[in-house]
Amino acid sequence: MKRILHIISSPRNGQSISIQLGDKVIEKLLQQYPGSTVTVNNVVDNDYDHLSVDHVTGYLSPADQHTPEQKAVIKASDEAVEELLAADLVVISLPIYNFNLPSALKAWIDHIIRAGKTFSYATGRPEGLLNGKKAYLAIASSGVYSDGPMKEWDHAEPYLRFILGFIGLRDVTTFRVEGLNFPGIKETALEKGLESVVVA
């Protein structure tokens, strides 16, 4: 049995291709690990704040020194971190917007990259603290970024792989539905993307 965390970052809800792809990954994981639990964090609905001075000072100061304002402002971050720490498997569903990830997902990332919680400088160099977990990326895009001339335009997957690796999530598998605006590709893009989902 596994604890699965599904991060959703598309505002399109039921029409979202990235959510459909992520749901397929979840379906396969539940087949692989019967009895597993799924927690969904829709970062669009949760609307994480952009970082403020209270966030930064709260992150960098001991908990017993937090002001009431700092406690209130970092509450969402603490909850997001605990949710991530509790998960065995993390599925991140995202559309590519303007060659990168949605701002709602970046805001969530800014709340879970926490020194002493998800990474540490204790040895003098940064070390991730989320070792032993596995992540899956479910990416939807209007263009084709997995290969070909547009590959170098994709700043979403490389960044996610880097930042997840920074906190110890180095076992990352990517699934894609792409070419959604390309005639001759878009007609079967979703079907092929869903069929490509194989988990281990």
Protein backbone atom coordinates (compact mmCIF):
# COMPACT_ATOMS: atom_id res chain seq x y z
CA MET A 1 0.00 0.00 0.00
CA LYS A 2 1.28 3.46 -0.94
CA ARG A 3 0.36 7.01 -0.08
CA ILE A 4 -0.08 8.88 -3.36
CA LEU A 5 -0.08 12.67 -3.67
CA HIS A 6 -1.58 14.16 -6.84
CA ILE A 7 -0.60 17.77 -7.53
CA ILE A 8 -2.99 19.41 -10.02
CA SER A 9 -2.01 22.72 -11.63
CA SER A 10 -4.48 23.24 -14.48
CA PRO A 11 -7.44 25.62 -14.05
CA ARG A 12 -9.50 23.69 -16.62
CA ASN A 13 -10.79 21.03 -14.22
CA GLY A 14 -12.66 18.29 -16.13
CA GLN A 15 -11.53 19.62 -19.50
CA SER A 16 -7.87 19.46 -18.54
CA ILE A 17 -5.76 17.01 -20.53
CA SER A 18 -2.98 17.08 -17.92
CA ILE A 19 -5.45 16.11 -15.19
CA GLN A 20 -6.79 13.25 -17.34
CA LEU A 21 -3.22 12.05 -17.89
CA GLY A 22 -2.44 12.34 -14.18
CA ASP A 23 -5.62 10.44 -13.34
CA LYS A 24 -4.48 7.65 -15.67
CA VAL A 25 -1.16 7.48 -13.80
CA ILE A 26 -3.11 7.28 -10.51
CA GLU A 27 -5.33 4.53 -11.96
CA LYS A 28 -2.26 2.48 -12.92
CA LEU A 29 -0.63 3.06 -9.53
CA LEU A 30 -3.77 1.88 -7.73
CA GLN A 31 -3.74 -1.26 -9.87
CA GLN A 32 -0.06 -1.77 -9.00
CA TYR A 33 -0.55 -1.02 -5.29
CA PRO A 34 -4.09 -2.02 -4.25
CA GLY A 35 -5.39 -0.30 -1.14
CA SER A 36 -3.27 2.80 -1.66
CA THR A 37 -4.61 6.19 -0.63
CA VAL A 38 -4.74 9.28 -2.85
CA THR A 39 -4.51 12.87 -1.64
CA VAL A 40 -5.24 15.61 -4.18
CA ASN A 41 -3.76 19.09 -3.90
CA ASN A 42 -5.20 21.41 -6.53
CA VAL A 43 -2.69 24.26 -6.37
CA VAL A 44 -4.94 26.47 -8.51
CA ASP A 45 -7.81 26.21 -6.05
CA ASN A 46 -5.49 26.51 -3.05
CA ASP A 47 -3.99 29.67 -4.56
CA TYR A 48 -0.65 29.70 -2.75
CA ASP A 49 0.63 33.20 -2.02
CA HIS A 50 3.67 34.63 -3.70
CA LEU A 51 6.46 34.75 -1.15
CA SER A 52 6.51 37.78 1.13
CA VAL A 53 9.02 39.01 3.72
CA ASP A 54 6.96 37.24 6.41
CA HIS A 55 7.31 33.95 4.51
CA VAL A 56 11.06 34.33 4.16
CA THR A 57 11.72 35.41 7.75
CA GLY A 58 9.35 32.71 9.00
CA TYR A 59 11.15 30.03 7.02
CA LEU A 60 14.55 31.15 8.31
CA SER A 61 13.72 31.56 12.00
CA PRO A 62 13.07 28.88 14.65
CA ALA A 63 9.42 27.91 15.12
CA ASP A 64 9.42 29.01 18.78
CA GLN A 65 10.38 32.52 17.65
CA HIS A 66 7.62 32.96 15.07
CA THR A 67 5.35 35.95 15.46
CA PRO A 68 1.60 35.39 15.13
CA GLU A 69 1.80 36.96 11.66
CA GLN A 70 4.57 34.57 10.59
CA LYS A 71 2.70 31.56 11.96
CA ALA A 72 -0.37 32.52 9.99
CA VAL A 73 1.45 33.22 6.75
CA ILE A 74 3.52 30.01 6.69
CA LYS A 75 0.64 27.72 7.73
CA ALA A 76 -0.13 26.79 4.10
CA SER A 77 3.54 26.07 3.48
CA ASP A 78 3.84 23.86 6.56
CA GLU A 79 0.77 21.89 5.47
CA ALA A 80 2.08 21.48 1.92
CA VAL A 81 5.43 20.26 3.22
CA GLU A 82 3.80 17.74 5.60
CA GLU A 83 1.62 16.48 2.76
CA LEU A 84 4.68 15.96 0.59
CA LEU A 85 6.71 14.31 3.35
CA ALA A 86 3.86 11.87 4.00
CA ALA A 87 3.65 10.72 0.37
CA ASP A 88 5.42 7.70 -1.09
CA LEU A 89 4.52 8.55 -4.69
CA VAL A 90 4.00 12.03 -6.14
CA VAL A 91 2.11 12.67 -9.38
CA ILE A 92 2.38 16.21 -10.76
CA SER A 93 -0.08 17.08 -13.53
CA LEU A 94 0.71 20.22 -15.48
CA PRO A 95 0.04 21.97 -18.76
CA ILE A 96 2.93 23.79 -20.41
CA TYR A 97 2.18 27.51 -20.56
CA ASN A 98 4.51 29.76 -22.55
CA PHE A 99 7.18 27.03 -22.58
CA ASN A 100 7.17 26.63 -18.80
CA LEU A 101 5.06 25.45 -15.89
CA PRO A 102 1.96 27.31 -14.64
CA SER A 103 2.53 30.04 -12.06
CA ALA A 104 0.24 28.22 -9.59
CA LEU A 105 2.63 25.26 -9.63
CA LYS A 106 5.66 27.51 -9.19
CA ALA A 107 3.97 29.12 -6.18
CA TRP A 108 3.48 25.66 -4.62
CA ILE A 109 7.14 24.86 -5.29
CA ASP A 110 8.18 28.05 -3.50
CA HIS A 111 6.23 26.84 -0.47
CA ILE A 112 7.75 23.34 -0.32
CA ILE A 113 11.43 24.17 -0.91
CA ARG A 114 12.25 24.61 2.77
CA ALA A 115 15.68 24.45 4.38
CA GLY A 116 15.64 21.99 7.26
CA LYS A 117 12.42 20.39 6.03
CA THR A 118 12.84 19.29 2.40
CA PHE A 119 16.57 19.99 2.02
CA SER A 120 19.48 20.66 4.33
CA TYR A 121 22.80 22.49 4.36
CA ALA A 122 23.97 20.53 7.43
CA THR A 123 26.96 19.04 5.60
CA GLY A 124 27.95 22.35 4.03
CA ARG A 125 26.27 21.56 0.74
CA PRO A 126 22.58 21.19 -0.14
CA GLU A 127 21.18 17.70 0.32
CA GLY A 128 17.60 16.62 -0.41
CA LEU A 129 15.61 15.11 2.44
CA LEU A 130 12.91 13.37 0.39
CA ASN A 131 14.95 10.36 -0.64
CA GLY A 132 13.20 7.09 -1.41
CA LYS A 133 10.13 8.60 -3.03
CA LYS A 134 9.14 8.39 -6.70
CA ALA A 135 7.62 11.13 -8.83
CA TYR A 136 5.63 11.06 -12.05
CA LEU A 137 5.12 14.07 -14.31
CA ALA A 138 1.93 14.16 -16.41
CA ILE A 139 2.53 16.93 -18.96
CA ALA A 140 0.12 18.25 -21.58
CA SER A 141 1.19 20.68 -24.29
CA SER A 142 -0.01 22.17 -27.54
CA GLY A 143 3.44 21.70 -29.06
CA VAL A 144 5.69 18.64 -29.31
CA TYR A 145 8.54 19.00 -26.83
CA SER A 146 9.69 15.45 -26.17
CA ASP A 147 11.77 15.43 -29.35
CA GLY A 148 12.45 17.50 -32.44
CA PRO A 149 13.08 21.22 -32.99
CA MET A 150 10.88 22.40 -30.07
CA LYS A 151 12.58 20.24 -27.44
CA GLU A 152 14.94 23.01 -26.36
CA TRP A 153 11.94 25.30 -25.80
CA ASP A 154 10.60 23.11 -23.00
CA HIS A 155 11.67 24.71 -19.71
CA ALA A 156 9.03 22.90 -17.64
CA GLU A 157 10.33 19.32 -17.44
CA PRO A 158 14.04 20.22 -17.02
CA TYR A 159 13.20 22.65 -14.22
CA LEU A 160 10.91 20.19 -12.46
CA ARG A 161 13.50 17.42 -12.65
CA PHE A 162 16.11 19.78 -11.22
CA ILE A 163 14.01 21.17 -8.37
CA LEU A 164 12.60 17.75 -7.43
CA GLY A 165 16.12 16.33 -7.45
CA PHE A 166 17.25 19.20 -5.23
CA ILE A 167 14.91 17.97 -2.48
CA GLY A 168 15.79 14.31 -3.05
CA LEU A 169 13.16 13.22 -5.58
CA ARG A 170 15.49 11.89 -8.26
CA ASP A 171 13.40 8.94 -9.47
CA VAL A 172 11.18 10.80 -11.95
CA THR A 173 9.16 9.36 -14.85
CA THR A 174 7.48 11.61 -17.42
CA PHE A 175 4.35 10.92 -19.46
CA ARG A 176 3.10 13.34 -22.10
CA VAL A 177 0.12 14.25 -24.19
CA GLU A 178 1.55 16.63 -26.77
CA GLY A 179 0.89 18.17 -30.14
CA LEU A 180 -2.63 19.19 -29.12
CA ASN A 181 -2.64 22.07 -31.61
CA PHE A 182 -0.96 20.21 -34.47
CA PRO A 183 -3.20 18.85 -37.27
CA GLY A 184 -2.48 15.19 -37.87
CA ILE A 185 -1.25 14.79 -34.28
CA LYS A 186 -3.94 16.30 -32.09
CA GLU A 187 -6.61 13.85 -33.25
CA THR A 188 -4.91 10.92 -31.50
CA ALA A 189 -2.69 12.75 -28.99
CA LEU A 190 -4.77 12.02 -25.90
CA GLU A 191 -5.34 8.39 -26.78
CA LYS A 192 -1.63 7.79 -27.42
CA GLY A 193 -0.64 9.65 -24.27
CA LEU A 194 -2.97 7.62 -22.07
CA GLU A 195 -1.84 4.37 -23.69
CA SER A 196 1.79 5.25 -22.93
CA VAL A 197 1.24 5.15 -19.17
CA VAL A 198 3.05 2.20 -17.65
CA VAL A 199 4.16 2.30 -14.01
CA ALA A 200 6.53 0.07 -12.11
